[in-house]
PDB file of all heavy atoms in Angstrom:
ATOM      1  N   ILE A   1       9.337   4.514  -9.938  1.00  0.00           N
ATOM      2  CA  ILE A   1       8.205   3.700  -9.518  1.00  0.00           C
ATOM      3  C   ILE A   1       7.672   4.301  -8.194  1.00  0.00           C
ATOM      4  O   ILE A   1       8.390   4.539  -7.234  1.00  0.00           O
ATOM      5  CB  ILE A   1       8.580   2.223  -9.365  1.00  0.00           C
ATOM      6  CG1 ILE A   1       8.961   1.695 -10.736  1.00  0.00           C
ATOM      7  CG2 ILE A   1       7.431   1.440  -8.704  1.00  0.00           C
ATOM      8  CD1 ILE A   1       9.547   0.287 -10.733  1.00  0.00           C
ATOM      9  N   ASP A   2       6.355   4.573  -8.227  1.00  0.00           N
ATOM     10  CA  ASP A   2       5.702   5.269  -7.115  1.00  0.00           C
ATOM     11  C   ASP A   2       4.341   4.637  -6.828  1.00  0.00           C
ATOM     12  O   ASP A   2       3.437   4.765  -7.679  1.00  0.00           O
ATOM     13  CB  ASP A   2       5.557   6.749  -7.460  1.00  0.00           C
ATOM     14  CG  ASP A   2       4.836   7.555  -6.395  1.00  0.00           C
ATOM     15  OD1 ASP A   2       4.436   7.002  -5.341  1.00  0.00           O
ATOM     16  OD2 ASP A   2       4.669   8.778  -6.614  1.00  0.00           O
ATOM     17  N   LEU A   3       4.243   3.945  -5.742  1.00  0.00           N
ATOM     18  CA  LEU A   3       2.972   3.233  -5.418  1.00  0.00           C
ATOM     19  C   LEU A   3       1.998   4.101  -4.638  1.00  0.00           C
ATOM     20  O   LEU A   3       0.977   3.581  -4.131  1.00  0.00           O
ATOM     21  CB  LEU A   3       3.263   1.967  -4.648  1.00  0.00           C
ATOM     22  CG  LEU A   3       4.200   0.940  -5.304  1.00  0.00           C
ATOM     23  CD1 LEU A   3       4.338  -0.298  -4.430  1.00  0.00           C
ATOM     24  CD2 LEU A   3       3.727   0.571  -6.713  1.00  0.00           C
ATOM     25  N   SER A   4       2.264   5.376  -4.475  1.00  0.00           N
ATOM     26  CA  SER A   4       1.450   6.240  -3.586  1.00  0.00           C
ATOM     27  C   SER A   4       0.020   6.464  -4.180  1.00  0.00           C
ATOM     28  O   SER A   4      -0.887   6.833  -3.436  1.00  0.00           O
ATOM     29  CB  SER A   4       2.137   7.600  -3.431  1.00  0.00           C
ATOM     30  OG  SER A   4       2.088   8.379  -4.653  1.00  0.00           O
ATOM     31  N   GLY A   5      -0.131   6.231  -5.453  1.00  0.00           N
ATOM     32  CA  GLY A   5      -1.449   6.383  -6.031  1.00  0.00           C
ATOM     33  C   GLY A   5      -1.779   7.774  -6.523  1.00  0.00           C
ATOM     34  O   GLY A   5      -2.922   8.111  -6.785  1.00  0.00           O
ATOM     35  N   LYS A   6      -0.757   8.631  -6.670  1.00  0.00           N
ATOM     36  CA  LYS A   6      -1.038   9.981  -7.103  1.00  0.00           C
ATOM     37  C   LYS A   6      -1.623  10.064  -8.484  1.00  0.00           C
ATOM     38  O   LYS A   6      -2.269  11.076  -8.820  1.00  0.00           O
ATOM     39  CB  LYS A   6       0.198  10.874  -7.000  1.00  0.00           C
ATOM     40  CG  LYS A   6       1.315  10.547  -7.938  1.00  0.00           C
ATOM     41  CD  LYS A   6       2.489  11.502  -7.686  1.00  0.00           C
ATOM     42  CE  LYS A   6       3.686  11.150  -8.566  1.00  0.00           C
ATOM     43  NZ  LYS A   6       4.842  11.968  -8.232  1.00  0.00           N
ATOM     44  N   PHE A   7      -1.540   9.037  -9.319  1.00  0.00           N
ATOM     45  CA  PHE A   7      -2.144   8.978 -10.638  1.00  0.00           C
ATOM     46  C   PHE A   7      -3.331   8.071 -10.676  1.00  0.00           C
ATOM     47  O   PHE A   7      -3.949   7.853 -11.725  1.00  0.00           O
ATOM     48  CB  PHE A   7      -1.140   8.569 -11.699  1.00  0.00           C
ATOM     49  CG  PHE A   7       0.040   9.483 -11.799  1.00  0.00           C
ATOM     50  CD1 PHE A   7       1.297   9.112 -11.303  1.00  0.00           C
ATOM     51  CD2 PHE A   7      -0.070  10.722 -12.369  1.00  0.00           C
ATOM     52  CE1 PHE A   7       2.370   9.986 -11.400  1.00  0.00           C
ATOM     53  CE2 PHE A   7       0.997  11.586 -12.475  1.00  0.00           C
ATOM     54  CZ  PHE A   7       2.261  11.217 -11.944  1.00  0.00           C
ATOM     55  N   GLU A   8      -3.687   7.503  -9.553  1.00  0.00           N
ATOM     56  CA  GLU A   8      -4.802   6.523  -9.428  1.00  0.00           C
ATOM     57  C   GLU A   8      -6.092   7.228  -9.061  1.00  0.00           C
ATOM     58  O   GLU A   8      -6.121   8.123  -8.239  1.00  0.00           O
ATOM     59  CB  GLU A   8      -4.432   5.494  -8.313  1.00  0.00           C
ATOM     60  CG  GLU A   8      -5.427   4.409  -8.094  1.00  0.00           C
ATOM     61  CD  GLU A   8      -5.459   3.390  -9.231  1.00  0.00           C
ATOM     62  OE1 GLU A   8      -4.562   2.601  -9.387  1.00  0.00           O
ATOM     63  OE2 GLU A   8      -6.486   3.435  -9.929  1.00  0.00           O
ATOM     64  N   THR A   9      -7.182   6.793  -9.677  1.00  0.00           N
ATOM     65  CA  THR A   9      -8.474   7.423  -9.388  1.00  0.00           C
ATOM     66  C   THR A   9      -9.106   6.792  -8.161  1.00  0.00           C
ATOM     67  O   THR A   9     -10.052   7.349  -7.623  1.00  0.00           O
ATOM     68  CB  THR A   9      -9.439   7.224 -10.588  1.00  0.00           C
ATOM     69  OG1 THR A   9      -9.537   5.815 -10.869  1.00  0.00           O
ATOM     70  CG2 THR A   9      -8.900   7.935 -11.827  1.00  0.00           C
ATOM     71  N   GLU A  10      -8.578   5.640  -7.769  1.00  0.00           N
ATOM     72  CA  GLU A  10      -9.082   4.972  -6.569  1.00  0.00           C
ATOM     73  C   GLU A  10      -7.938   4.860  -5.549  1.00  0.00           C
ATOM     74  O   GLU A  10      -6.874   5.422  -5.754  1.00  0.00           O
ATOM     75  CB  GLU A  10      -9.618   3.589  -6.933  1.00  0.00           C
ATOM     76  CG  GLU A  10     -10.767   3.610  -7.968  1.00  0.00           C
ATOM     77  CD  GLU A  10     -11.109   2.268  -8.544  1.00  0.00           C
ATOM     78  OE1 GLU A  10     -10.475   1.260  -8.112  1.00  0.00           O
ATOM     79  OE2 GLU A  10     -12.002   2.181  -9.353  1.00  0.00           O
ATOM     80  N   LYS A  11      -8.164   4.109  -4.514  1.00  0.00           N
ATOM     81  CA  LYS A  11      -7.140   3.870  -3.535  1.00  0.00           C
ATOM     82  C   LYS A  11      -5.978   3.108  -4.160  1.00  0.00           C
ATOM     83  O   LYS A  11      -6.184   2.205  -4.991  1.00  0.00           O
ATOM     84  CB  LYS A  11      -7.747   3.009  -2.407  1.00  0.00           C
ATOM     85  CG  LYS A  11      -6.948   2.930  -1.142  1.00  0.00           C
ATOM     86  CD  LYS A  11      -7.760   2.163  -0.096  1.00  0.00           C
ATOM     87  CE  LYS A  11      -7.105   2.328   1.269  1.00  0.00           C
ATOM     88  NZ  LYS A  11      -7.880   1.626   2.285  1.00  0.00           N
ATOM     89  N   PRO A  12      -4.736   3.427  -3.794  1.00  0.00           N
ATOM     90  CA  PRO A  12      -3.582   2.696  -4.365  1.00  0.00           C
ATOM     91  C   PRO A  12      -3.729   1.181  -4.173  1.00  0.00           C
ATOM     92  O   PRO A  12      -4.223   0.721  -3.107  1.00  0.00           O
ATOM     93  CB  PRO A  12      -2.370   3.207  -3.561  1.00  0.00           C
ATOM     94  CG  PRO A  12      -2.819   4.546  -3.004  1.00  0.00           C
ATOM     95  CD  PRO A  12      -4.300   4.421  -2.817  1.00  0.00           C
ATOM     96  N   GLU A  13      -3.351   0.456  -5.193  1.00  0.00           N
ATOM     97  CA  GLU A  13      -3.589  -0.965  -5.214  1.00  0.00           C
ATOM     98  C   GLU A  13      -2.484  -1.786  -4.455  1.00  0.00           C
ATOM     99  O   GLU A  13      -2.751  -2.814  -3.902  1.00  0.00           O
ATOM    100  CB  GLU A  13      -3.687  -1.505  -6.647  1.00  0.00           C
ATOM    101  CG  GLU A  13      -4.159  -2.883  -6.733  1.00  0.00           C
ATOM    102  CD  GLU A  13      -4.669  -3.256  -8.105  1.00  0.00           C
ATOM    103  OE1 GLU A  13      -4.926  -2.341  -8.898  1.00  0.00           O
ATOM    104  OE2 GLU A  13      -4.803  -4.443  -8.368  1.00  0.00           O
ATOM    105  N   PHE A  14      -1.263  -1.240  -4.496  1.00  0.00           N
ATOM    106  CA  PHE A  14      -0.151  -2.040  -4.023  1.00  0.00           C
ATOM    107  C   PHE A  14       0.529  -1.368  -2.813  1.00  0.00           C
ATOM    108  O   PHE A  14       0.506  -0.139  -2.693  1.00  0.00           O
ATOM    109  CB  PHE A  14       0.937  -2.197  -5.128  1.00  0.00           C
ATOM    110  CG  PHE A  14       0.356  -2.869  -6.349  1.00  0.00           C
ATOM    111  CD1 PHE A  14       0.457  -2.272  -7.594  1.00  0.00           C
ATOM    112  CD2 PHE A  14      -0.203  -4.131  -6.306  1.00  0.00           C
ATOM    113  CE1 PHE A  14      -0.031  -2.894  -8.750  1.00  0.00           C
ATOM    114  CE2 PHE A  14      -0.709  -4.784  -7.414  1.00  0.00           C
ATOM    115  CZ  PHE A  14      -0.617  -4.153  -8.641  1.00  0.00           C
ATOM    116  N   VAL A  15       1.197  -2.200  -1.955  1.00  0.00           N
ATOM    117  CA  VAL A  15       1.942  -1.693  -0.806  1.00  0.00           C
ATOM    118  C   VAL A  15       3.440  -1.810  -0.955  1.00  0.00           C
ATOM    119  O   VAL A  15       4.207  -1.059  -0.349  1.00  0.00           O
ATOM    120  CB  VAL A  15       1.453  -2.357   0.504  1.00  0.00           C
ATOM    121  CG1 VAL A  15       0.060  -1.978   0.846  1.00  0.00           C
ATOM    122  CG2 VAL A  15       1.647  -3.854   0.474  1.00  0.00           C
ATOM    123  N   ARG A  16       3.891  -2.781  -1.746  1.00  0.00           N
ATOM    124  CA  ARG A  16       5.321  -2.900  -1.984  1.00  0.00           C
ATOM    125  C   ARG A  16       5.525  -3.665  -3.320  1.00  0.00           C
ATOM    126  O   ARG A  16       4.600  -4.278  -3.792  1.00  0.00           O
ATOM    127  CB  ARG A  16       6.056  -3.568  -0.819  1.00  0.00           C
ATOM    128  CG  ARG A  16       5.598  -4.994  -0.523  1.00  0.00           C
ATOM    129  CD  ARG A  16       6.306  -5.537   0.743  1.00  0.00           C
ATOM    130  NE  ARG A  16       5.766  -6.835   1.065  1.00  0.00           N
ATOM    131  CZ  ARG A  16       6.511  -7.886   1.294  1.00  0.00           C
ATOM    132  NH1 ARG A  16       7.838  -7.812   1.257  1.00  0.00           N
ATOM    133  NH2 ARG A  16       5.950  -9.020   1.606  1.00  0.00           N
ATOM    134  N   TRP A  17       6.746  -3.554  -3.797  1.00  0.00           N
ATOM    135  CA  TRP A  17       7.007  -4.187  -5.115  1.00  0.00           C
ATOM    136  C   TRP A  17       8.457  -4.706  -5.127  1.00  0.00           C
ATOM    137  O   TRP A  17       9.267  -4.364  -4.288  1.00  0.00           O
ATOM    138  CB  TRP A  17       6.791  -3.172  -6.240  1.00  0.00           C
ATOM    139  CG  TRP A  17       7.768  -2.024  -6.230  1.00  0.00           C
ATOM    140  CD1 TRP A  17       7.679  -0.885  -5.509  1.00  0.00           C
ATOM    141  CD2 TRP A  17       9.005  -1.970  -6.968  1.00  0.00           C
ATOM    142  NE1 TRP A  17       8.758  -0.071  -5.781  1.00  0.00           N
ATOM    143  CE2 TRP A  17       9.594  -0.702  -6.673  1.00  0.00           C
ATOM    144  CE3 TRP A  17       9.651  -2.810  -7.833  1.00  0.00           C
ATOM    145  CZ2 TRP A  17      10.797  -0.315  -7.222  1.00  0.00           C
ATOM    146  CZ3 TRP A  17      10.865  -2.408  -8.392  1.00  0.00           C
ATOM    147  CH2 TRP A  17      11.418  -1.185  -8.065  1.00  0.00           C
ATOM    148  N   LYS A  18       8.727  -5.512  -6.176  1.00  0.00           N
ATOM    149  CA  LYS A  18      10.074  -6.017  -6.409  1.00  0.00           C
ATOM    150  C   LYS A  18      10.186  -6.493  -7.819  1.00  0.00           C
ATOM    151  O   LYS A  18       9.212  -6.739  -8.521  1.00  0.00           O
ATOM    152  CB  LYS A  18      10.456  -7.109  -5.406  1.00  0.00           C
ATOM    153  CG  LYS A  18       9.634  -8.368  -5.577  1.00  0.00           C
ATOM    154  CD  LYS A  18      10.095  -9.414  -4.501  1.00  0.00           C
ATOM    155  CE  LYS A  18       9.336 -10.697  -4.589  1.00  0.00           C
ATOM    156  NZ  LYS A  18       9.857 -11.677  -3.643  1.00  0.00           N
ATOM    157  N   TRP A  19      11.451  -6.621  -8.254  1.00  0.00           N
ATOM    158  CA  TRP A  19      11.774  -7.309  -9.523  1.00  0.00           C
ATOM    159  C   TRP A  19      12.038  -8.770  -9.218  1.00  0.00           C
ATOM    160  O   TRP A  19      12.657  -9.090  -8.200  1.00  0.00           O
ATOM    161  CB  TRP A  19      12.983  -6.676 -10.182  1.00  0.00           C
ATOM    162  CG  TRP A  19      12.831  -5.252 -10.596  1.00  0.00           C
ATOM    163  CD1 TRP A  19      13.412  -4.161 -10.019  1.00  0.00           C
ATOM    164  CD2 TRP A  19      12.024  -4.770 -11.690  1.00  0.00           C
ATOM    165  NE1 TRP A  19      13.006  -3.024 -10.705  1.00  0.00           N
ATOM    166  CE2 TRP A  19      12.186  -3.356 -11.711  1.00  0.00           C
ATOM    167  CE3 TRP A  19      11.216  -5.360 -12.631  1.00  0.00           C
ATOM    168  CZ2 TRP A  19      11.542  -2.588 -12.664  1.00  0.00           C
ATOM    169  CZ3 TRP A  19      10.545  -4.562 -13.583  1.00  0.00           C
ATOM    170  CH2 TRP A  19      10.748  -3.174 -13.596  1.00  0.00           C
ATOM    171  N   ALA A  20      11.529  -9.649 -10.014  1.00  0.00           N
ATOM    172  CA  ALA A  20      11.676 -11.089  -9.828  1.00  0.00           C
ATOM    173  C   ALA A  20      11.842 -11.799 -11.164  1.00  0.00           C
ATOM    174  O   ALA A  20      11.408 -11.255 -12.193  1.00  0.00           O
ATOM    175  CB  ALA A  20      10.503 -11.632  -9.059  1.00  0.00           C
ATOM    176  N   SER A  21      12.386 -12.986 -11.136  1.00  0.00           N
ATOM    177  CA  SER A  21      12.382 -13.775 -12.366  1.00  0.00           C
ATOM    178  C   SER A  21      10.941 -14.080 -12.720  1.00  0.00           C
ATOM    179  O   SER A  21      10.063 -14.115 -11.835  1.00  0.00           O
ATOM    180  CB  SER A  21      13.203 -15.038 -12.229  1.00  0.00           C
ATOM    181  OG  SER A  21      12.488 -15.959 -11.414  1.00  0.00           O
ATOM    182  N   ILE A  22      10.678 -14.271 -14.000  1.00  0.00           N
ATOM    183  CA  ILE A  22       9.277 -14.524 -14.383  1.00  0.00           C
ATOM    184  C   ILE A  22       8.813 -15.871 -13.759  1.00  0.00           C
ATOM    185  O   ILE A  22       7.641 -15.996 -13.378  1.00  0.00           O
ATOM    186  CB  ILE A  22       9.144 -14.546 -15.918  1.00  0.00           C
ATOM    187  CG1 ILE A  22       7.643 -14.424 -16.314  1.00  0.00           C
ATOM    188  CG2 ILE A  22       9.849 -15.692 -16.557  1.00  0.00           C
ATOM    189  CD1 ILE A  22       7.422 -14.095 -17.784  1.00  0.00           C
ATOM    190  N   GLU A  23       9.699 -16.819 -13.574  1.00  0.00           N
ATOM    191  CA  GLU A  23       9.326 -18.067 -12.925  1.00  0.00           C
ATOM    192  C   GLU A  23       9.033 -17.862 -11.454  1.00  0.00           C
ATOM    193  O   GLU A  23       8.100 -18.449 -10.880  1.00  0.00           O
ATOM    194  CB  GLU A  23      10.430 -19.131 -13.095  1.00  0.00           C
ATOM    195  CG  GLU A  23      10.626 -19.588 -14.524  1.00  0.00           C
ATOM    196  CD  GLU A  23      11.467 -18.619 -15.385  1.00  0.00           C
ATOM    197  OE1 GLU A  23      12.074 -17.658 -14.808  1.00  0.00           O
ATOM    198  OE2 GLU A  23      11.556 -18.845 -16.582  1.00  0.00           O
ATOM    199  N   GLU A  24       9.802 -16.993 -10.763  1.00  0.00           N
ATOM    200  CA  GLU A  24       9.541 -16.726  -9.351  1.00  0.00           C
ATOM    201  C   GLU A  24       8.214 -16.036  -9.218  1.00  0.00           C
ATOM    202  O   GLU A  24       7.445 -16.311  -8.246  1.00  0.00           O
ATOM    203  CB  GLU A  24      10.657 -15.801  -8.792  1.00  0.00           C
ATOM    204  CG  GLU A  24      10.434 -15.446  -7.350  1.00  0.00           C
ATOM    205  CD  GLU A  24      11.438 -14.422  -6.793  1.00  0.00           C
ATOM    206  OE1 GLU A  24      12.390 -14.050  -7.534  1.00  0.00           O
ATOM    207  OE2 GLU A  24      11.251 -13.968  -5.669  1.00  0.00           O
ATOM    208  N   ALA A  25       7.900 -15.147 -10.096  1.00  0.00           N
ATOM    209  CA  ALA A  25       6.604 -14.444 -10.063  1.00  0.00           C
ATOM    210  C   ALA A  25       5.445 -15.442 -10.075  1.00  0.00           C
ATOM    211  O   ALA A  25       4.482 -15.290  -9.338  1.00  0.00           O
ATOM    212  CB  ALA A  25       6.478 -13.466 -11.224  1.00  0.00           C
ATOM    213  N   LEU A  26       5.584 -16.445 -10.899  1.00  0.00           N
ATOM    214  CA  LEU A  26       4.477 -17.439 -10.996  1.00  0.00           C
ATOM    215  C   LEU A  26       4.264 -18.117  -9.668  1.00  0.00           C
ATOM    216  O   LEU A  26       3.118 -18.358  -9.263  1.00  0.00           O
ATOM    217  CB  LEU A  26       4.887 -18.526 -12.042  1.00  0.00           C
ATOM    218  CG  LEU A  26       3.932 -19.689 -12.203  1.00  0.00           C
ATOM    219  CD1 LEU A  26       2.509 -19.206 -12.646  1.00  0.00           C
ATOM    220  CD2 LEU A  26       4.471 -20.707 -13.211  1.00  0.00           C
ATOM    221  N   GLY A  27       5.267 -18.318  -8.888  1.00  0.00           N
ATOM    222  CA  GLY A  27       5.179 -18.967  -7.555  1.00  0.00           C
ATOM    223  C   GLY A  27       4.539 -18.095  -6.517  1.00  0.00           C
ATOM    224  O   GLY A  27       4.114 -18.615  -5.464  1.00  0.00           O
ATOM    225  N   LEU A  28       4.503 -16.820  -6.745  1.00  0.00           N
ATOM    226  CA  LEU A  28       3.947 -15.842  -5.755  1.00  0.00           C
ATOM    227  C   LEU A  28       2.483 -15.437  -5.997  1.00  0.00           C
ATOM    228  O   LEU A  28       1.881 -14.775  -5.213  1.00  0.00           O
ATOM    229  CB  LEU A  28       4.807 -14.586  -5.669  1.00  0.00           C
ATOM    230  CG  LEU A  28       6.240 -14.835  -5.170  1.00  0.00           C
ATOM    231  CD1 LEU A  28       7.074 -13.563  -5.344  1.00  0.00           C
ATOM    232  CD2 LEU A  28       6.211 -15.245  -3.706  1.00  0.00           C
TER     233      LEU A  28
END
């Protein structure tokens, strides 16, 4: 996983990421 945007045609969309339960994701 690489958020640098090297495959993105625009500016990278994300600054950080994580794995979460699907229910936790809903809360964020």
